[in-house]
Amino acid sequence: MTGPTPNPIGKAFACAVVAFVAIYAGLWLSIGPPPDPARVAGIITGLVVTPAIVVGLWARNSAKTWSLFRVIALYVLFLVIAAALFISGSMSNPQR
C-alpha cells in the first residue's frame, strides 16, 4: 500500500485522548484529587497533544501509508521523550 495515510491526524489525536485519560486517571487514583485540577489537566493536555501534532503531521506528509500500529508506536515514543523533557525541566526549575 502506497499513498497517503487515511486520517493520520485523527489517529494521532485519538492516541492523545487515550493517553490523557490514562495519565489523568492514574494520577487521580494514585495520589488523590490534585489541589488545582485545571492546572494539572492543562499540563497533561500540553504533554499529550504535542506528540500527537508531530506524529500526525509526519504521517500526513509521508509518502508511504502508515499502519495504525506505526502511528501508535511513534506516538508512544514521542510521548516518552516529551515526558522526559518535561520532568527534567521541572526538576531544574521547580515552581512549587
PDB file of N, CA and C in Angstrom:
ATOM      1  N   MET A   1       0.839  -1.185   0.000  1.00  0.00           N
ATOM      2  CA  MET A   1       0.000   0.000   0.000  1.00  0.00           C
ATOM      3  C   MET A   1       0.879   1.243   0.000  1.00  0.00           C
ATOM      4  N   THR A   2       0.703   2.063  -0.983  1.00  0.00           N
ATOM      5  CA  THR A   2       1.404   3.335  -1.019  1.00  0.00           C
ATOM      6  C   THR A   2       0.376   4.439  -1.092  1.00  0.00           C
ATOM      7  N   GLY A   3       0.829   5.634  -0.821  1.00  0.00           N
ATOM      8  CA  GLY A   3      -0.072   6.766  -0.839  1.00  0.00           C
ATOM      9  C   GLY A   3      -0.267   7.314   0.556  1.00  0.00           C
ATOM     10  N   PRO A   4      -1.042   8.356   0.636  1.00  0.00           N
ATOM     11  CA  PRO A   4      -1.211   8.998   1.944  1.00  0.00           C
ATOM     12  C   PRO A   4      -1.998   8.121   2.925  1.00  0.00           C
ATOM     13  N   THR A   5      -1.677   8.280   4.181  1.00  0.00           N
ATOM     14  CA  THR A   5      -2.372   7.552   5.245  1.00  0.00           C
ATOM     15  C   THR A   5      -3.739   8.195   5.458  1.00  0.00           C
ATOM     16  N   PRO A   6      -4.802   7.404   5.502  1.00  0.00           N
ATOM     17  CA  PRO A   6      -6.124   7.989   5.736  1.00  0.00           C
ATOM     18  C   PRO A   6      -6.269   8.486   7.183  1.00  0.00           C
ATOM     19  N   ASN A   7      -6.568   9.761   7.334  1.00  0.00           N
ATOM     20  CA  ASN A   7      -6.842  10.414   8.613  1.00  0.00           C
ATOM     21  C   ASN A   7      -5.736  10.209   9.653  1.00  0.00           C
ATOM     22  N   PRO A   8      -4.491  10.576   9.348  1.00  0.00           N
ATOM     23  CA  PRO A   8      -3.414  10.327  10.309  1.00  0.00           C
ATOM     24  C   PRO A   8      -3.491  11.225  11.538  1.00  0.00           C
ATOM     25  N   ILE A   9      -3.932  12.458  11.354  1.00  0.00           N
ATOM     26  CA  ILE A   9      -4.003  13.376  12.490  1.00  0.00           C
ATOM     27  C   ILE A   9      -5.099  12.933  13.452  1.00  0.00           C
ATOM     28  N   GLY A  10      -6.194  12.426  12.922  1.00  0.00           N
ATOM     29  CA  GLY A  10      -7.259  11.908  13.780  1.00  0.00           C
ATOM     30  C   GLY A  10      -6.803  10.705  14.590  1.00  0.00           C
ATOM     31  N   LYS A  11      -6.010   9.837  13.965  1.00  0.00           N
ATOM     32  CA  LYS A  11      -5.483   8.668  14.679  1.00  0.00           C
ATOM     33  C   LYS A  11      -4.526   9.102  15.788  1.00  0.00           C
ATOM     34  N   ALA A  12      -3.682  10.094  15.494  1.00  0.00           N
ATOM     35  CA  ALA A  12      -2.733  10.567  16.497  1.00  0.00           C
ATOM     36  C   ALA A  12      -3.466  11.251  17.653  1.00  0.00           C
ATOM     37  N   PHE A  13      -4.519  12.018  17.350  1.00  0.00           N
ATOM     38  CA  PHE A  13      -5.263  12.672  18.423  1.00  0.00           C
ATOM     39  C   PHE A  13      -6.101  11.671  19.214  1.00  0.00           C
ATOM     40  N   ALA A  14      -6.502  10.578  18.604  1.00  0.00           N
ATOM     41  CA  ALA A  14      -7.167   9.516  19.367  1.00  0.00           C
ATOM     42  C   ALA A  14      -6.192   8.915  20.373  1.00  0.00           C
ATOM     43  N   CYS A  15      -4.934   8.765  19.973  1.00  0.00           N
ATOM     44  CA  CYS A  15      -3.907   8.313  20.915  1.00  0.00           C
ATOM     45  C   CYS A  15      -3.748   9.316  22.052  1.00  0.00           C
ATOM     46  N   ALA A  16      -3.816  10.603  21.731  1.00  0.00           N
ATOM     47  CA  ALA A  16      -3.677  11.639  22.749  1.00  0.00           C
ATOM     48  C   ALA A  16      -4.822  11.588  23.755  1.00  0.00           C
ATOM     49  N   VAL A  17      -6.032  11.345  23.276  1.00  0.00           N
ATOM     50  CA  VAL A  17      -7.188  11.260  24.179  1.00  0.00           C
ATOM     51  C   VAL A  17      -7.036  10.072  25.121  1.00  0.00           C
ATOM     52  N   VAL A  18      -6.631   8.939  24.583  1.00  0.00           N
ATOM     53  CA  VAL A  18      -6.431   7.753  25.420  1.00  0.00           C
ATOM     54  C   VAL A  18      -5.314   8.001  26.437  1.00  0.00           C
ATOM     55  N   ALA A  19      -4.228   8.630  26.002  1.00  0.00           N
ATOM     56  CA  ALA A  19      -3.119   8.914  26.911  1.00  0.00           C
ATOM     57  C   ALA A  19      -3.548   9.907  27.992  1.00  0.00           C
ATOM     58  N   PHE A  20      -4.318  10.926  27.630  1.00  0.00           N
ATOM     59  CA  PHE A  20      -4.784  11.903  28.615  1.00  0.00           C
ATOM     60  C   PHE A  20      -5.630  11.240  29.687  1.00  0.00           C
ATOM     61  N   VAL A  21      -6.585  10.429  29.260  1.00  0.00           N
ATOM     62  CA  VAL A  21      -7.466   9.754  30.217  1.00  0.00           C
ATOM     63  C   VAL A  21      -6.655   8.821  31.114  1.00  0.00           C
ATOM     64  N   ALA A  22      -5.720   8.085  30.542  1.00  0.00           N
ATOM     65  CA  ALA A  22      -4.920   7.151  31.331  1.00  0.00           C
ATOM     66  C   ALA A  22      -4.039   7.883  32.342  1.00  0.00           C
ATOM     67  N   ILE A  23      -3.373   8.946  31.918  1.00  0.00           N
ATOM     68  CA  ILE A  23      -2.474   9.677  32.815  1.00  0.00           C
ATOM     69  C   ILE A  23      -3.267  10.395  33.902  1.00  0.00           C
ATOM     70  N   TYR A  24      -4.339  11.088  33.514  1.00  0.00           N
ATOM     71  CA  TYR A  24      -5.118  11.852  34.497  1.00  0.00           C
ATOM     72  C   TYR A  24      -5.790  10.916  35.494  1.00  0.00           C
ATOM     73  N   ALA A  25      -6.365   9.824  35.016  1.00  0.00           N
ATOM     74  CA  ALA A  25      -6.998   8.861  35.921  1.00  0.00           C
ATOM     75  C   ALA A  25      -5.959   8.196  36.814  1.00  0.00           C
ATOM     76  N   GLY A  26      -4.802   7.893  36.268  1.00  0.00           N
ATOM     77  CA  GLY A  26      -3.740   7.293  37.070  1.00  0.00           C
ATOM     78  C   GLY A  26      -3.265   8.213  38.175  1.00  0.00           C
ATOM     79  N   LEU A  27      -3.089   9.493  37.844  1.00  0.00           N
ATOM     80  CA  LEU A  27      -2.691  10.456  38.876  1.00  0.00           C
ATOM     81  C   LEU A  27      -3.785  10.623  39.921  1.00  0.00           C
ATOM     82  N   TRP A  28      -5.016  10.720  39.469  1.00  0.00           N
ATOM     83  CA  TRP A  28      -6.143  10.925  40.378  1.00  0.00           C
ATOM     84  C   TRP A  28      -6.290   9.746  41.336  1.00  0.00           C
ATOM     85  N   LEU A  29      -6.159   8.525  40.796  1.00  0.00           N
ATOM     86  CA  LEU A  29      -6.342   7.339  41.626  1.00  0.00           C
ATOM     87  C   LEU A  29      -5.141   7.051  42.525  1.00  0.00           C
ATOM     88  N   SER A  30      -3.943   7.446  42.096  1.00  0.00           N
ATOM     89  CA  SER A  30      -2.759   7.126  42.894  1.00  0.00           C
ATOM     90  C   SER A  30      -2.498   8.138  44.006  1.00  0.00           C
ATOM     91  N   ILE A  31      -2.645   9.438  43.711  1.00  0.00           N
ATOM     92  CA  ILE A  31      -2.333  10.445  44.731  1.00  0.00           C
ATOM     93  C   ILE A  31      -3.559  11.224  45.187  1.00  0.00           C
ATOM     94  N   GLY A  32      -4.716  10.880  44.680  1.00  0.00           N
ATOM     95  CA  GLY A  32      -5.931  11.580  45.077  1.00  0.00           C
ATOM     96  C   GLY A  32      -6.169  12.810  44.218  1.00  0.00           C
ATOM     97  N   PRO A  33      -7.251  13.530  44.505  1.00  0.00           N
ATOM     98  CA  PRO A  33      -7.547  14.714  43.695  1.00  0.00           C
ATOM     99  C   PRO A  33      -6.468  15.788  43.867  1.00  0.00           C
ATOM    100  N   PRO A  34      -6.014  16.368  42.768  1.00  0.00           N
ATOM    101  CA  PRO A  34      -4.976  17.397  42.868  1.00  0.00           C
ATOM    102  C   PRO A  34      -5.549  18.682  43.461  1.00  0.00           C
ATOM    103  N   PRO A  35      -4.690  19.510  44.065  1.00  0.00           N
ATOM    104  CA  PRO A  35      -5.179  20.766  44.634  1.00  0.00           C
ATOM    105  C   PRO A  35      -5.703  21.736  43.571  1.00  0.00           C
ATOM    106  N   ASP A  36      -5.133  21.687  42.377  1.00  0.00           N
ATOM    107  CA  ASP A  36      -5.591  22.534  41.265  1.00  0.00           C
ATOM    108  C   ASP A  36      -5.818  21.646  40.038  1.00  0.00           C
ATOM    109  N   PRO A  37      -7.019  21.050  39.911  1.00  0.00           N
ATOM    110  CA  PRO A  37      -7.255  20.096  38.821  1.00  0.00           C
ATOM    111  C   PRO A  37      -7.131  20.718  37.426  1.00  0.00           C
ATOM    112  N   ALA A  38      -7.488  21.987  37.284  1.00  0.00           N
ATOM    113  CA  ALA A  38      -7.408  22.621  35.965  1.00  0.00           C
ATOM    114  C   ALA A  38      -5.958  22.775  35.515  1.00  0.00           C
ATOM    115  N   ARG A  39      -5.076  23.114  36.444  1.00  0.00           N
ATOM    116  CA  ARG A  39      -3.659  23.262  36.091  1.00  0.00           C
ATOM    117  C   ARG A  39      -3.065  21.922  35.685  1.00  0.00           C
ATOM    118  N   VAL A  40      -3.392  20.885  36.433  1.00  0.00           N
ATOM    119  CA  VAL A  40      -2.888  19.546  36.117  1.00  0.00           C
ATOM    120  C   VAL A  40      -3.432  19.072  34.769  1.00  0.00           C
ATOM    121  N   ALA A  41      -4.716  19.328  34.523  1.00  0.00           N
ATOM    122  CA  ALA A  41      -5.308  18.944  33.235  1.00  0.00           C
ATOM    123  C   ALA A  41      -4.643  19.698  32.083  1.00  0.00           C
ATOM    124  N   GLY A  42      -4.320  20.959  32.285  1.00  0.00           N
ATOM    125  CA  GLY A  42      -3.646  21.744  31.251  1.00  0.00           C
ATOM    126  C   GLY A  42      -2.248  21.244  30.964  1.00  0.00           C
ATOM    127  N   ILE A  43      -1.522  20.902  32.013  1.00  0.00           N
ATOM    128  CA  ILE A  43      -0.164  20.379  31.830  1.00  0.00           C
ATOM    129  C   ILE A  43      -0.207  19.056  31.076  1.00  0.00           C
ATOM    130  N   ILE A  44      -1.127  18.183  31.483  1.00  0.00           N
ATOM    131  CA  ILE A  44      -1.227  16.876  30.815  1.00  0.00           C
ATOM    132  C   ILE A  44      -1.690  17.046  29.372  1.00  0.00           C
ATOM    133  N   THR A  45      -2.617  17.979  29.134  1.00  0.00           N
ATOM    134  CA  THR A  45      -3.082  18.227  27.759  1.00  0.00           C
ATOM    135  C   THR A  45      -1.923  18.653  26.865  1.00  0.00           C
ATOM    136  N   GLY A  46      -1.124  19.592  27.343  1.00  0.00           N
ATOM    137  CA  GLY A  46       0.032  20.021  26.567  1.00  0.00           C
ATOM    138  C   GLY A  46       1.020  18.902  26.327  1.00  0.00           C
ATOM    139  N   LEU A  47       1.168  18.051  27.343  1.00  0.00           N
ATOM    140  CA  LEU A  47       2.098  16.941  27.230  1.00  0.00           C
ATOM    141  C   LEU A  47       1.649  15.910  26.198  1.00  0.00           C
ATOM    142  N   VAL A  48       0.349  15.618  26.125  1.00  0.00           N
ATOM    143  CA  VAL A  48      -0.119  14.574  25.209  1.00  0.00           C
ATOM    144  C   VAL A  48      -0.437  15.094  23.807  1.00  0.00           C
ATOM    145  N   VAL A  49      -0.702  16.383  23.667  1.00  0.00           N
ATOM    146  CA  VAL A  49      -1.061  16.931  22.354  1.00  0.00           C
ATOM    147  C   VAL A  49       0.180  17.172  21.491  1.00  0.00           C
ATOM    148  N   THR A  50       1.282  17.552  22.116  1.00  0.00           N
ATOM    149  CA  THR A  50       2.497  17.844  21.349  1.00  0.00           C
ATOM    150  C   THR A  50       2.961  16.644  20.512  1.00  0.00           C
ATOM    151  N   PRO A  51       3.080  15.443  21.081  1.00  0.00           N
ATOM    152  CA  PRO A  51       3.453  14.296  20.229  1.00  0.00           C
ATOM    153  C   PRO A  51       2.393  13.964  19.178  1.00  0.00           C
ATOM    154  N   ALA A  52       1.121  14.217  19.486  1.00  0.00           N
ATOM    155  CA  ALA A  52       0.067  13.937  18.505  1.00  0.00           C
ATOM    156  C   ALA A  52       0.221  14.830  17.276  1.00  0.00           C
ATOM    157  N   ILE A  53       0.560  16.087  17.496  1.00  0.00           N
ATOM    158  CA  ILE A  53       0.758  17.003  16.372  1.00  0.00           C
ATOM    159  C   ILE A  53       1.958  16.564  15.532  1.00  0.00           C
ATOM    160  N   VAL A  54       3.052  16.224  16.206  1.00  0.00           N
ATOM    161  CA  VAL A  54       4.270  15.828  15.493  1.00  0.00           C
ATOM    162  C   VAL A  54       4.030  14.559  14.668  1.00  0.00           C
ATOM    163  N   VAL A  55       3.471  13.535  15.302  1.00  0.00           N
ATOM    164  CA  VAL A  55       3.258  12.260  14.604  1.00  0.00           C
ATOM    165  C   VAL A  55       2.191  12.401  13.518  1.00  0.00           C
ATOM    166  N   GLY A  56       1.127  13.137  13.797  1.00  0.00           N
ATOM    167  CA  GLY A  56       0.076  13.321  12.800  1.00  0.00           C
ATOM    168  C   GLY A  56       0.565  14.033  11.556  1.00  0.00           C
ATOM    169  N   LEU A  57       1.344  15.100  11.740  1.00  0.00           N
ATOM    170  CA  LEU A  57       1.882  15.820  10.571  1.00  0.00           C
ATOM    171  C   LEU A  57       2.920  14.987   9.828  1.00  0.00           C
ATOM    172  N   TRP A  58       3.727  14.241  10.574  1.00  0.00           N
ATOM    173  CA  TRP A  58       4.729  13.391   9.936  1.00  0.00           C
ATOM    174  C   TRP A  58       4.050  12.314   9.094  1.00  0.00           C
ATOM    175  N   ALA A  59       3.004  11.697   9.629  1.00  0.00           N
ATOM    176  CA  ALA A  59       2.290  10.665   8.877  1.00  0.00           C
ATOM    177  C   ALA A  59       1.569  11.250   7.664  1.00  0.00           C
ATOM    178  N   ARG A  60       1.028  12.453   7.817  1.00  0.00           N
ATOM    179  CA  ARG A  60       0.312  13.072   6.702  1.00  0.00           C
ATOM    180  C   ARG A  60       1.262  13.433   5.566  1.00  0.00           C
ATOM    181  N   ASN A  61       2.459  13.868   5.907  1.00  0.00           N
ATOM    182  CA  ASN A  61       3.420  14.280   4.882  1.00  0.00           C
ATOM    183  C   ASN A  61       4.254  13.128   4.342  1.00  0.00           C
ATOM    184  N   SER A  62       4.112  11.942   4.901  1.00  0.00           N
ATOM    185  CA  SER A  62       4.878  10.787   4.450  1.00  0.00           C
ATOM    186  C   SER A  62       4.339  10.270   3.114  1.00  0.00           C
ATOM    187  N   ALA A  63       5.248   9.777   2.294  1.00  0.00           N
ATOM    188  CA  ALA A  63       4.833   9.223   1.001  1.00  0.00           C
ATOM    189  C   ALA A  63       4.250   7.826   1.162  1.00  0.00           C
ATOM    190  N   LYS A  64       4.644   7.119   2.222  1.00  0.00           N
ATOM    191  CA  LYS A  64       4.152   5.769   2.461  1.00  0.00           C
ATOM    192  C   LYS A  64       2.909   5.802   3.351  1.00  0.00           C
ATOM    193  N   THR A  65       2.122   4.757   3.249  1.00  0.00           N
ATOM    194  CA  THR A  65       0.967   4.608   4.127  1.00  0.00           C
ATOM    195  C   THR A  65       1.430   4.065   5.466  1.00  0.00           C
ATOM    196  N   TRP A  66       0.980   4.690   6.548  1.00  0.00           N
ATOM    197  CA  TRP A  66       1.345   4.260   7.893  1.00  0.00           C
ATOM    198  C   TRP A  66       0.250   3.381   8.458  1.00  0.00           C
ATOM    199  N   SER A  67       0.647   2.285   9.079  1.00  0.00           N
ATOM    200  CA  SER A  67      -0.337   1.440   9.764  1.00  0.00           C
ATOM    201  C   SER A  67      -0.695   2.086  11.100  1.00  0.00           C
ATOM    202  N   LEU A  68      -1.795   1.640  11.663  1.00  0.00           N
ATOM    203  CA  LEU A  68      -2.214   2.154  12.971  1.00  0.00           C
ATOM    204  C   LEU A  68      -1.165   1.822  14.025  1.00  0.00           C
ATOM    205  N   PHE A  69      -0.566   0.641  13.930  1.00  0.00           N
ATOM    206  CA  PHE A  69       0.474   0.261  14.879  1.00  0.00           C
ATOM    207  C   PHE A  69       1.656   1.221  14.820  1.00  0.00           C
ATOM    208  N   ARG A  70       2.045   1.640  13.637  1.00  0.00           N
ATOM    209  CA  ARG A  70       3.170   2.565  13.499  1.00  0.00           C
ATOM    210  C   ARG A  70       2.836   3.923  14.097  1.00  0.00           C
ATOM    211  N   VAL A  71       1.619   4.394  13.887  1.00  0.00           N
ATOM    212  CA  VAL A  71       1.198   5.675  14.467  1.00  0.00           C
ATOM    213  C   VAL A  71       1.237   5.581  15.989  1.00  0.00           C
ATOM    214  N   ILE A  72       0.699   4.498  16.539  1.00  0.00           N
ATOM    215  CA  ILE A  72       0.677   4.331  17.997  1.00  0.00           C
ATOM    216  C   ILE A  72       2.091   4.206  18.555  1.00  0.00           C
ATOM    217  N   ALA A  73       2.930   3.411  17.901  1.00  0.00           N
ATOM    218  CA  ALA A  73       4.294   3.201  18.398  1.00  0.00           C
ATOM    219  C   ALA A  73       5.094   4.503  18.397  1.00  0.00           C
ATOM    220  N   LEU A  74       5.001   5.266  17.326  1.00  0.00           N
ATOM    221  CA  LEU A  74       5.736   6.528  17.283  1.00  0.00           C
ATOM    222  C   LEU A  74       5.134   7.560  18.235  1.00  0.00           C
ATOM    223  N   TYR A  75       3.811   7.518  18.412  1.00  0.00           N
ATOM    224  CA  TYR A  75       3.192   8.429  19.381  1.00  0.00           C
ATOM    225  C   TYR A  75       3.707   8.132  20.787  1.00  0.00           C
ATOM    226  N   VAL A  76       3.757   6.855  21.157  1.00  0.00           N
ATOM    227  CA  VAL A  76       4.245   6.483  22.491  1.00  0.00           C
ATOM    228  C   VAL A  76       5.710   6.885  22.647  1.00  0.00           C
ATOM    229  N   LEU A  77       6.513   6.679  21.619  1.00  0.00           N
ATOM    230  CA  LEU A  77       7.920   7.069  21.667  1.00  0.00           C
ATOM    231  C   LEU A  77       8.055   8.578  21.907  1.00  0.00           C
ATOM    232  N   PHE A  78       7.337   9.383  21.139  1.00  0.00           N
ATOM    233  CA  PHE A  78       7.422  10.829  21.299  1.00  0.00           C
ATOM    234  C   PHE A  78       6.808  11.284  22.621  1.00  0.00           C
ATOM    235  N   LEU A  79       5.810  10.572  23.123  1.00  0.00           N
ATOM    236  CA  LEU A  79       5.234  10.909  24.427  1.00  0.00           C
ATOM    237  C   LEU A  79       6.252  10.663  25.533  1.00  0.00           C
ATOM    238  N   VAL A  80       6.990   9.571  25.454  1.00  0.00           N
ATOM    239  CA  VAL A  80       8.022   9.290  26.450  1.00  0.00           C
ATOM    240  C   VAL A  80       9.118  10.356  26.390  1.00  0.00           C
ATOM    241  N   ILE A  81       9.511  10.755  25.188  1.00  0.00           N
ATOM    242  CA  ILE A  81      10.531  11.801  25.042  1.00  0.00           C
ATOM    243  C   ILE A  81      10.021  13.120  25.607  1.00  0.00           C
ATOM    244  N   ALA A  82       8.779  13.492  25.285  1.00  0.00           N
ATOM    245  CA  ALA A  82       8.217  14.742  25.798  1.00  0.00           C
ATOM    246  C   ALA A  82       8.086  14.707  27.314  1.00  0.00           C
ATOM    247  N   ALA A  83       7.681  13.566  27.865  1.00  0.00           N
ATOM    248  CA  ALA A  83       7.563  13.450  29.322  1.00  0.00           C
ATOM    249  C   ALA A  83       8.928  13.563  29.993  1.00  0.00           C
ATOM    250  N   ALA A  84       9.949  12.938  29.399  1.00  0.00           N
ATOM    251  CA  ALA A  84      11.297  13.027  29.965  1.00  0.00           C
ATOM    252  C   ALA A  84      11.797  14.466  29.943  1.00  0.00           C
ATOM    253  N   LEU A  85      11.565  15.180  28.845  1.00  0.00           N
ATOM    254  CA  LEU A  85      11.965  16.580  28.779  1.00  0.00           C
ATOM    255  C   LEU A  85      11.195  17.432  29.774  1.00  0.00           C
ATOM    256  N   PHE A  86       9.900  17.163  29.929  1.00  0.00           N
ATOM    257  CA  PHE A  86       9.095  17.914  30.887  1.00  0.00           C
ATOM    258  C   PHE A  86       9.567  17.665  32.321  1.00  0.00           C
ATOM    259  N   ILE A  87       9.834  16.406  32.649  1.00  0.00           N
ATOM    260  CA  ILE A  87      10.273  16.080  34.003  1.00  0.00           C
ATOM    261  C   ILE A  87      11.645  16.679  34.288  1.00  0.00           C
ATOM    262  N   SER A  88      12.557  16.594  33.335  1.00  0.00           N
ATOM    263  CA  SER A  88      13.892  17.166  33.559  1.00  0.00           C
ATOM    264  C   SER A  88      13.826  18.685  33.674  1.00  0.00           C
ATOM    265  N   GLY A  89      12.947  19.314  32.901  1.00  0.00           N
ATOM    266  CA  GLY A  89      12.771  20.760  33.022  1.00  0.00           C
ATOM    267  C   GLY A  89      12.118  21.156  34.334  1.00  0.00           C
ATOM    268  N   SER A  90      11.180  20.364  34.805  1.00  0.00           N
ATOM    269  CA  SER A  90      10.507  20.658  36.075  1.00  0.00           C
ATOM    270  C   SER A  90      11.462  20.484  37.253  1.00  0.00           C
ATOM    271  N   MET A  91      12.368  19.521  37.150  1.00  0.00           N
ATOM    272  CA  MET A  91      13.315  19.302  38.244  1.00  0.00           C
ATOM    273  C   MET A  91      14.356  20.412  38.318  1.00  0.00           C
ATOM    274  N   SER A  92      14.722  20.987  37.183  1.00  0.00           N
ATOM    275  CA  SER A  92      15.734  22.027  37.193  1.00  0.00           C
ATOM    276  C   SER A  92      15.175  23.389  37.575  1.00  0.00           C
ATOM    277  N   ASN A  93      13.854  23.581  37.421  1.00  0.00           N
ATOM    278  CA  ASN A  93      13.233  24.851  37.752  1.00  0.00           C
ATOM    279  C   ASN A  93      11.870  24.599  38.407  1.00  0.00           C
ATOM    280  N   PRO A  94      11.860  24.207  39.689  1.00  0.00           N
ATOM    281  CA  PRO A  94      10.573  23.902  40.334  1.00  0.00           C
ATOM    282  C   PRO A  94       9.755  25.163  40.576  1.00  0.00           C
ATOM    283  N   GLN A  95       8.448  25.064  40.305  1.00  0.00           N
ATOM    284  CA  GLN A  95       7.569  26.218  40.516  1.00  0.00           C
ATOM    285  C   GLN A  95       6.913  26.163  41.882  1.00  0.00           C
ATOM    286  N   ARG A  96       6.693  24.950  42.398  1.00  0.00           N
ATOM    287  CA  ARG A  96       6.059  24.820  43.719  1.00  0.00           C
ATOM    288  C   ARG A  96       6.759  23.796  44.538  1.00  0.00           C
TER     289      ARG A  96
END
